[in-house]
Amino acid sequence: MAKTLVTALCALILVATILATISQADAAGRAWRGGGSFVGPGGGVTTFHRFGACHGGTCVRGGTAIGPNGGVSKWTSTRSCAGGSCTTAGSYVGPGGNVYTRNGTATYGNGGWQAQGTVTGPRGGTGTYQASGSCAGGVCSSSSTTTGPSGGVWDRSTTLTKTDNRWERNVTVTAPGGVTWTRNGGGSCASGVCNVNGTVTGPRGNIGTYSGSAWWSWR
């Protein structure tokens, strides 16, 4: 059970790492949808579709990914904010139907934020996460630590640099034992459409590529 949950935590972290750039900002009354693909080192293609919407202090996001062998993963999350604090709840359903849930809280202020919560696997094993970040001068940095039920630790660090309508995002994920994955990419937005692309490098140096687009609208 512990090994299964830790594996799922890795999957959740990597899904967020590969796809998070699609939704760079949330705003009241704004909705978006997008999609793209990830090509692994062996040539296998995973396609994904995502959506999101915010209204009245509550944002909802979700998506579906179809792997090279046809396996389907789905995820959804809800965040509600008021008075500088937020609550979050989400779920991830893997190709085999196993469900993982996440619940947490976050506080914002003075250009920074802090978050914490739990991730629970389909058999009840529970991990915890803590995260923090800040922005200054067009550069945002964040870090998070996720601890599995057996004590294994996953660390993630992110740097996001924005210039006008363009951005670059660099992410490093370090698993127990010191093995790492890195993601380097960026994108740009124009006329309500954002395009992203980049690479993901595994612990053995194998490289995958991703690309995608998102379309924004006002509700």
C-alpha atoms as a PDB file:
ATOM      1  CA  MET A   1       0.000   0.000   0.000  1.00  0.00           C
ATOM      2  CA  ALA A   2       2.750   2.433   0.910  1.00  0.00           C
ATOM      3  CA  LYS A   3       4.656   1.734  -2.303  1.00  0.00           C
ATOM      4  CA  THR A   4       1.467   2.166  -4.345  1.00  0.00           C
ATOM      5  CA  LEU A   5       0.695   5.528  -2.735  1.00  0.00           C
ATOM      6  CA  VAL A   6       4.240   6.802  -3.204  1.00  0.00           C
ATOM      7  CA  THR A   7       4.052   5.805  -6.878  1.00  0.00           C
ATOM      8  CA  ALA A   8       0.782   7.709  -7.177  1.00  0.00           C
ATOM      9  CA  LEU A   9       2.310  10.745  -5.496  1.00  0.00           C
ATOM     10  CA  CYS A  10       5.043  10.670  -8.129  1.00  0.00           C
ATOM     11  CA  ALA A  11       2.417  10.460 -10.865  1.00  0.00           C
ATOM     12  CA  LEU A  12       0.515  13.399  -9.395  1.00  0.00           C
ATOM     13  CA  ILE A  13       3.687  15.478  -9.145  1.00  0.00           C
ATOM     14  CA  LEU A  14       4.739  14.695 -12.717  1.00  0.00           C
ATOM     15  CA  VAL A  15       1.253  15.351 -14.127  1.00  0.00           C
ATOM     16  CA  ALA A  16       1.299  18.758 -12.450  1.00  0.00           C
ATOM     17  CA  THR A  17       4.853  19.368 -13.641  1.00  0.00           C
ATOM     18  CA  ILE A  18       4.088  18.598 -17.278  1.00  0.00           C
ATOM     19  CA  LEU A  19       0.694  20.276 -17.537  1.00  0.00           C
ATOM     20  CA  ALA A  20       0.584  23.146 -15.038  1.00  0.00           C
ATOM     21  CA  THR A  21       1.821  25.765 -17.502  1.00  0.00           C
ATOM     22  CA  ILE A  22      -1.444  25.485 -19.462  1.00  0.00           C
ATOM     23  CA  SER A  23      -3.199  27.517 -16.739  1.00  0.00           C
ATOM     24  CA  GLN A  24      -0.915  30.350 -15.709  1.00  0.00           C
ATOM     25  CA  ALA A  25      -3.488  32.514 -13.968  1.00  0.00           C
ATOM     26  CA  ASP A  26      -6.918  32.409 -12.374  1.00  0.00           C
ATOM     27  CA  ALA A  27      -9.299  35.325 -12.466  1.00  0.00           C
ATOM     28  CA  ALA A  28     -12.865  35.883 -11.370  1.00  0.00           C
ATOM     29  CA  GLY A  29     -15.204  35.216 -14.266  1.00  0.00           C
ATOM     30  CA  ARG A  30     -12.531  33.663 -16.491  1.00  0.00           C
ATOM     31  CA  ALA A  31     -12.687  30.191 -18.059  1.00  0.00           C
ATOM     32  CA  TRP A  32     -10.256  28.233 -20.206  1.00  0.00           C
ATOM     33  CA  ARG A  33      -9.845  24.945 -22.000  1.00  0.00           C
ATOM     34  CA  GLY A  34      -6.810  23.381 -23.581  1.00  0.00           C
ATOM     35  CA  GLY A  35      -5.027  20.289 -24.734  1.00  0.00           C
ATOM     36  CA  GLY A  36      -1.805  18.889 -26.038  1.00  0.00           C
ATOM     37  CA  SER A  37       0.498  15.906 -26.037  1.00  0.00           C
ATOM     38  CA  PHE A  38       3.556  14.436 -24.362  1.00  0.00           C
ATOM     39  CA  VAL A  39       5.964  12.254 -26.353  1.00  0.00           C
ATOM     40  CA  GLY A  40       8.047   9.946 -24.194  1.00  0.00           C
ATOM     41  CA  PRO A  41      11.678   8.935 -24.797  1.00  0.00           C
ATOM     42  CA  GLY A  42      10.525   5.744 -26.560  1.00  0.00           C
ATOM     43  CA  GLY A  43       8.110   7.571 -28.837  1.00  0.00           C
ATOM     44  CA  GLY A  44       4.900   6.750 -26.961  1.00  0.00           C
ATOM     45  CA  VAL A  45       2.366   9.577 -27.083  1.00  0.00           C
ATOM     46  CA  THR A  46       0.106  10.706 -24.244  1.00  0.00           C
ATOM     47  CA  THR A  47      -2.627  13.189 -25.156  1.00  0.00           C
ATOM     48  CA  PHE A  48      -4.343  15.406 -22.619  1.00  0.00           C
ATOM     49  CA  HIS A  49      -7.286  17.780 -22.366  1.00  0.00           C
ATOM     50  CA  ARG A  50      -7.800  20.283 -19.551  1.00  0.00           C
ATOM     51  CA  PHE A  51     -10.365  22.853 -18.463  1.00  0.00           C
ATOM     52  CA  GLY A  52     -10.824  25.435 -15.748  1.00  0.00           C
ATOM     53  CA  ALA A  53     -13.114  28.209 -14.605  1.00  0.00           C
ATOM     54  CA  CYS A  54     -13.222  30.744 -11.767  1.00  0.00           C
ATOM     55  CA  HIS A  55     -16.169  32.658 -10.385  1.00  0.00           C
ATOM     56  CA  GLY A  56     -16.929  34.283  -7.065  1.00  0.00           C
ATOM     57  CA  GLY A  57     -13.730  33.190  -5.357  1.00  0.00           C
ATOM     58  CA  THR A  58     -14.016  29.532  -6.401  1.00  0.00           C
ATOM     59  CA  CYS A  59     -11.961  27.902  -9.157  1.00  0.00           C
ATOM     60  CA  VAL A  60     -12.538  24.457 -10.644  1.00  0.00           C
ATOM     61  CA  ARG A  61      -9.998  22.594 -12.761  1.00  0.00           C
ATOM     62  CA  GLY A  62      -9.945  19.171 -14.340  1.00  0.00           C
ATOM     63  CA  GLY A  63      -8.621  17.085 -17.161  1.00  0.00           C
ATOM     64  CA  THR A  64      -8.143  13.762 -18.881  1.00  0.00           C
ATOM     65  CA  ALA A  65      -4.988  12.080 -20.174  1.00  0.00           C
ATOM     66  CA  ILE A  66      -4.872   9.074 -22.519  1.00  0.00           C
ATOM     67  CA  GLY A  67      -1.619   7.127 -22.493  1.00  0.00           C
ATOM     68  CA  PRO A  68       0.124   5.398 -25.406  1.00  0.00           C
ATOM     69  CA  ASN A  69      -1.575   2.078 -24.534  1.00  0.00           C
ATOM     70  CA  GLY A  70      -5.021   3.633 -24.176  1.00  0.00           C
ATOM     71  CA  GLY A  71      -5.043   3.929 -20.378  1.00  0.00           C
ATOM     72  CA  VAL A  72      -7.133   6.869 -19.174  1.00  0.00           C
ATOM     73  CA  SER A  73      -6.372   9.101 -16.182  1.00  0.00           C
ATOM     74  CA  LYS A  74      -8.714  11.802 -14.896  1.00  0.00           C
ATOM     75  CA  TRP A  75      -8.306  14.524 -12.297  1.00  0.00           C
ATOM     76  CA  THR A  76     -10.306  17.390 -10.867  1.00  0.00           C
ATOM     77  CA  SER A  77      -9.742  20.004  -8.166  1.00  0.00           C
ATOM     78  CA  THR A  78     -11.652  22.821  -6.508  1.00  0.00           C
ATOM     79  CA  ARG A  79     -10.183  25.839  -4.722  1.00  0.00           C
ATOM     80  CA  SER A  80     -12.214  28.364  -2.740  1.00  0.00           C
ATOM     81  CA  CYS A  81     -10.609  31.550  -1.405  1.00  0.00           C
ATOM     82  CA  ALA A  82     -11.674  34.368   0.897  1.00  0.00           C
ATOM     83  CA  GLY A  83      -9.797  36.811   3.104  1.00  0.00           C
ATOM     84  CA  GLY A  84      -6.318  35.696   2.048  1.00  0.00           C
ATOM     85  CA  SER A  85      -6.840  31.985   2.700  1.00  0.00           C
ATOM     86  CA  CYS A  86      -7.973  29.087   0.507  1.00  0.00           C
ATOM     87  CA  THR A  87      -9.176  25.516   0.861  1.00  0.00           C
ATOM     88  CA  THR A  88      -8.489  22.922  -1.816  1.00  0.00           C
ATOM     89  CA  ALA A  89      -9.837  19.481  -2.617  1.00  0.00           C
ATOM     90  CA  GLY A  90      -9.021  17.240  -5.549  1.00  0.00           C
ATOM     91  CA  SER A  91      -8.948  13.716  -6.864  1.00  0.00           C
ATOM     92  CA  TYR A  92      -6.916  11.677  -9.347  1.00  0.00           C
ATOM     93  CA  VAL A  93      -8.214   8.455 -10.943  1.00  0.00           C
ATOM     94  CA  GLY A  94      -5.530   6.285 -12.534  1.00  0.00           C
ATOM     95  CA  PRO A  95      -5.893   4.004 -15.563  1.00  0.00           C
ATOM     96  CA  GLY A  96      -6.687   1.045 -13.284  1.00  0.00           C
ATOM     97  CA  GLY A  97      -9.499   2.906 -11.538  1.00  0.00           C
ATOM     98  CA  ASN A  98      -7.619   3.560  -8.286  1.00  0.00           C
ATOM     99  CA  VAL A  99      -8.627   6.869  -6.708  1.00  0.00           C
ATOM    100  CA  TYR A 100      -6.297   9.244  -4.860  1.00  0.00           C
ATOM    101  CA  THR A 101      -7.614  12.343  -3.080  1.00  0.00           C
ATOM    102  CA  ARG A 102      -5.938  15.520  -1.874  1.00  0.00           C
ATOM    103  CA  ASN A 103      -7.178  18.053   0.681  1.00  0.00           C
ATOM    104  CA  GLY A 104      -5.390  21.132   1.938  1.00  0.00           C
ATOM    105  CA  THR A 105      -5.319  24.777   2.909  1.00  0.00           C
ATOM    106  CA  ALA A 106      -3.272  27.764   1.796  1.00  0.00           C
ATOM    107  CA  THR A 107      -2.664  31.337   2.962  1.00  0.00           C
ATOM    108  CA  TYR A 108      -1.555  34.291   0.838  1.00  0.00           C
ATOM    109  CA  GLY A 109      -0.035  37.670   1.675  1.00  0.00           C
ATOM    110  CA  ASN A 110       2.924  40.025   1.121  1.00  0.00           C
ATOM    111  CA  GLY A 111       3.728  38.521  -2.275  1.00  0.00           C
ATOM    112  CA  GLY A 112       4.000  34.970  -0.960  1.00  0.00           C
ATOM    113  CA  TRP A 113       1.967  31.912  -0.019  1.00  0.00           C
ATOM    114  CA  GLN A 114       2.103  28.758   2.096  1.00  0.00           C
ATOM    115  CA  ALA A 115       0.137  25.518   1.715  1.00  0.00           C
ATOM    116  CA  GLN A 116      -0.202  22.174   3.440  1.00  0.00           C
ATOM    117  CA  GLY A 117      -2.432  19.126   3.274  1.00  0.00           C
ATOM    118  CA  THR A 118      -2.781  15.388   2.803  1.00  0.00           C
ATOM    119  CA  VAL A 119      -2.949  12.869  -0.044  1.00  0.00           C
ATOM    120  CA  THR A 120      -4.877   9.625   0.553  1.00  0.00           C
ATOM    121  CA  GLY A 121      -4.600   6.473  -1.555  1.00  0.00           C
ATOM    122  CA  PRO A 122      -7.313   3.953  -2.480  1.00  0.00           C
ATOM    123  CA  ARG A 123      -6.396   1.682   0.473  1.00  0.00           C
ATOM    124  CA  GLY A 124      -6.294   4.484   3.021  1.00  0.00           C
ATOM    125  CA  GLY A 125      -2.553   5.147   3.130  1.00  0.00           C
ATOM    126  CA  THR A 126      -1.910   8.850   3.747  1.00  0.00           C
ATOM    127  CA  GLY A 127       0.922  11.155   2.750  1.00  0.00           C
ATOM    128  CA  THR A 128       1.418  14.827   3.585  1.00  0.00           C
ATOM    129  CA  TYR A 129       2.645  17.844   1.647  1.00  0.00           C
ATOM    130  CA  GLN A 130       3.938  21.304   2.487  1.00  0.00           C
ATOM    131  CA  ALA A 131       4.639  24.070  -0.011  1.00  0.00           C
ATOM    132  CA  SER A 132       5.557  27.742  -0.163  1.00  0.00           C
ATOM    133  CA  GLY A 133       6.386  30.356  -2.766  1.00  0.00           C
ATOM    134  CA  SER A 134       6.862  34.036  -3.521  1.00  0.00           C
ATOM    135  CA  CYS A 135       7.089  36.458  -6.456  1.00  0.00           C
ATOM    136  CA  ALA A 136       9.218  39.561  -7.016  1.00  0.00           C
ATOM    137  CA  GLY A 137      10.405  41.429 -10.091  1.00  0.00           C
ATOM    138  CA  GLY A 138       8.666  39.145 -12.561  1.00  0.00           C
ATOM    139  CA  VAL A 139      10.169  35.972 -11.063  1.00  0.00           C
ATOM    140  CA  CYS A 140       8.188  33.479  -8.979  1.00  0.00           C
ATOM    141  CA  SER A 141       9.799  30.620  -7.082  1.00  0.00           C
ATOM    142  CA  SER A 142       8.206  27.823  -5.093  1.00  0.00           C
ATOM    143  CA  SER A 143       9.141  24.601  -3.346  1.00  0.00           C
ATOM    144  CA  SER A 144       7.197  21.676  -1.948  1.00  0.00           C
ATOM    145  CA  THR A 145       7.845  18.503   0.013  1.00  0.00           C
ATOM    146  CA  THR A 146       5.592  15.441  -0.132  1.00  0.00           C
ATOM    147  CA  THR A 147       6.112  12.648   2.390  1.00  0.00           C
ATOM    148  CA  GLY A 148       4.672   9.210   1.716  1.00  0.00           C
ATOM    149  CA  PRO A 149       3.131   6.909   4.343  1.00  0.00           C
ATOM    150  CA  SER A 150       6.446   5.063   4.824  1.00  0.00           C
ATOM    151  CA  GLY A 151       8.487   8.253   5.160  1.00  0.00           C
ATOM    152  CA  GLY A 152       9.759   8.555   1.578  1.00  0.00           C
ATOM    153  CA  VAL A 153      10.232  12.198   0.616  1.00  0.00           C
ATOM    154  CA  TRP A 154       9.630  13.867  -2.751  1.00  0.00           C
ATOM    155  CA  ASP A 155      10.887  17.427  -3.240  1.00  0.00           C
ATOM    156  CA  ARG A 156       9.849  19.801  -5.995  1.00  0.00           C
ATOM    157  CA  SER A 157      11.266  23.242  -6.822  1.00  0.00           C
ATOM    158  CA  THR A 158       9.940  25.604  -9.480  1.00  0.00           C
ATOM    159  CA  THR A 159      11.090  28.882 -10.993  1.00  0.00           C
ATOM    160  CA  LEU A 160       8.769  30.885 -13.249  1.00  0.00           C
ATOM    161  CA  THR A 161       9.991  33.974 -15.107  1.00  0.00           C
ATOM    162  CA  LYS A 162       7.522  36.231 -16.927  1.00  0.00           C
ATOM    163  CA  THR A 163       8.326  38.893 -19.512  1.00  0.00           C
ATOM    164  CA  ASP A 164       5.384  40.652 -21.169  1.00  0.00           C
ATOM    165  CA  ASN A 165       3.267  37.853 -22.689  1.00  0.00           C
ATOM    166  CA  ARG A 166       5.975  35.189 -22.455  1.00  0.00           C
ATOM    167  CA  TRP A 167       7.183  32.960 -19.631  1.00  0.00           C
ATOM    168  CA  GLU A 168       9.733  30.290 -18.831  1.00  0.00           C
ATOM    169  CA  ARG A 169       9.223  27.582 -16.215  1.00  0.00           C
ATOM    170  CA  ASN A 170      11.900  25.261 -14.819  1.00  0.00           C
ATOM    171  CA  VAL A 171      10.955  22.432 -12.458  1.00  0.00           C
ATOM    172  CA  THR A 172      13.017  19.828 -10.614  1.00  0.00           C
ATOM    173  CA  VAL A 173      11.466  16.829  -8.851  1.00  0.00           C
ATOM    174  CA  THR A 174      13.696  14.769  -6.548  1.00  0.00           C
ATOM    175  CA  ALA A 175      12.488  11.337  -5.434  1.00  0.00           C
ATOM    176  CA  PRO A 176      13.636   9.230  -2.464  1.00  0.00           C
ATOM    177  CA  GLY A 177      17.189   8.063  -3.104  1.00  0.00           C
ATOM    178  CA  GLY A 178      18.101  11.302  -4.883  1.00  0.00           C
ATOM    179  CA  VAL A 179      16.905  10.492  -8.414  1.00  0.00           C
ATOM    180  CA  THR A 180      15.593  13.548 -10.260  1.00  0.00           C
ATOM    181  CA  TRP A 181      13.316  14.609 -13.085  1.00  0.00           C
ATOM    182  CA  THR A 182      13.582  18.067 -14.652  1.00  0.00           C
ATOM    183  CA  ARG A 183      11.189  20.008 -16.815  1.00  0.00           C
ATOM    184  CA  ASN A 184      12.245  23.023 -18.855  1.00  0.00           C
ATOM    185  CA  GLY A 185       9.820  24.919 -21.013  1.00  0.00           C
ATOM    186  CA  GLY A 186       7.921  28.069 -21.682  1.00  0.00           C
ATOM    187  CA  GLY A 187       5.210  29.674 -23.715  1.00  0.00           C
ATOM    188  CA  SER A 188       3.483  32.804 -24.874  1.00  0.00           C
ATOM    189  CA  CYS A 189      -0.022  34.233 -25.105  1.00  0.00           C
ATOM    190  CA  ALA A 190      -1.688  36.356 -27.756  1.00  0.00           C
ATOM    191  CA  SER A 191      -5.338  37.125 -28.610  1.00  0.00           C
ATOM    192  CA  GLY A 192      -6.667  34.840 -25.879  1.00  0.00           C
ATOM    193  CA  VAL A 193      -4.589  31.810 -26.897  1.00  0.00           C
ATOM    194  CA  CYS A 194      -1.564  30.491 -24.977  1.00  0.00           C
ATOM    195  CA  ASN A 195       0.932  28.022 -26.470  1.00  0.00           C
ATOM    196  CA  VAL A 196       3.435  25.999 -24.447  1.00  0.00           C
ATOM    197  CA  ASN A 197       6.258  23.560 -25.185  1.00  0.00           C
ATOM    198  CA  GLY A 198       9.268  22.055 -23.487  1.00  0.00           C
ATOM    199  CA  THR A 199      11.116  18.942 -22.405  1.00  0.00           C
ATOM    200  CA  VAL A 200      11.085  16.525 -19.465  1.00  0.00           C
ATOM    201  CA  THR A 201      14.340  14.761 -18.600  1.00  0.00           C
ATOM    202  CA  GLY A 202      14.318  11.581 -16.526  1.00  0.00           C
ATOM    203  CA  PRO A 203      16.917  10.308 -14.019  1.00  0.00           C
ATOM    204  CA  ARG A 204      18.736   8.310 -16.737  1.00  0.00           C
ATOM    205  CA  GLY A 205      18.921  11.245 -19.110  1.00  0.00           C
ATOM    206  CA  ASN A 206      16.023  10.117 -21.286  1.00  0.00           C
ATOM    207  CA  ILE A 207      14.136  13.080 -22.721  1.00  0.00           C
ATOM    208  CA  GLY A 208      10.455  13.504 -23.542  1.00  0.00           C
ATOM    209  CA  THR A 209       8.808  16.514 -25.163  1.00  0.00           C
ATOM    210  CA  TYR A 210       5.442  18.195 -24.629  1.00  0.00           C
ATOM    211  CA  SER A 211       3.376  20.866 -26.343  1.00  0.00           C
ATOM    212  CA  GLY A 212      -0.080  22.288 -25.905  1.00  0.00           C
ATOM    213  CA  SER A 213      -2.429  25.230 -26.199  1.00  0.00           C
ATOM    214  CA  ALA A 214      -5.135  26.874 -24.105  1.00  0.00           C
ATOM    215  CA  TRP A 215      -8.012  29.156 -25.038  1.00  0.00           C
ATOM    216  CA  TRP A 216      -9.369  31.797 -22.627  1.00  0.00           C
ATOM    217  CA  SER A 217     -12.831  33.296 -22.404  1.00  0.00           C
ATOM    218  CA  TRP A 218     -14.701  35.634 -20.058  1.00  0.00           C
ATOM    219  CA  ARG A 219     -17.842  34.364 -18.377  1.00  0.00           C
END
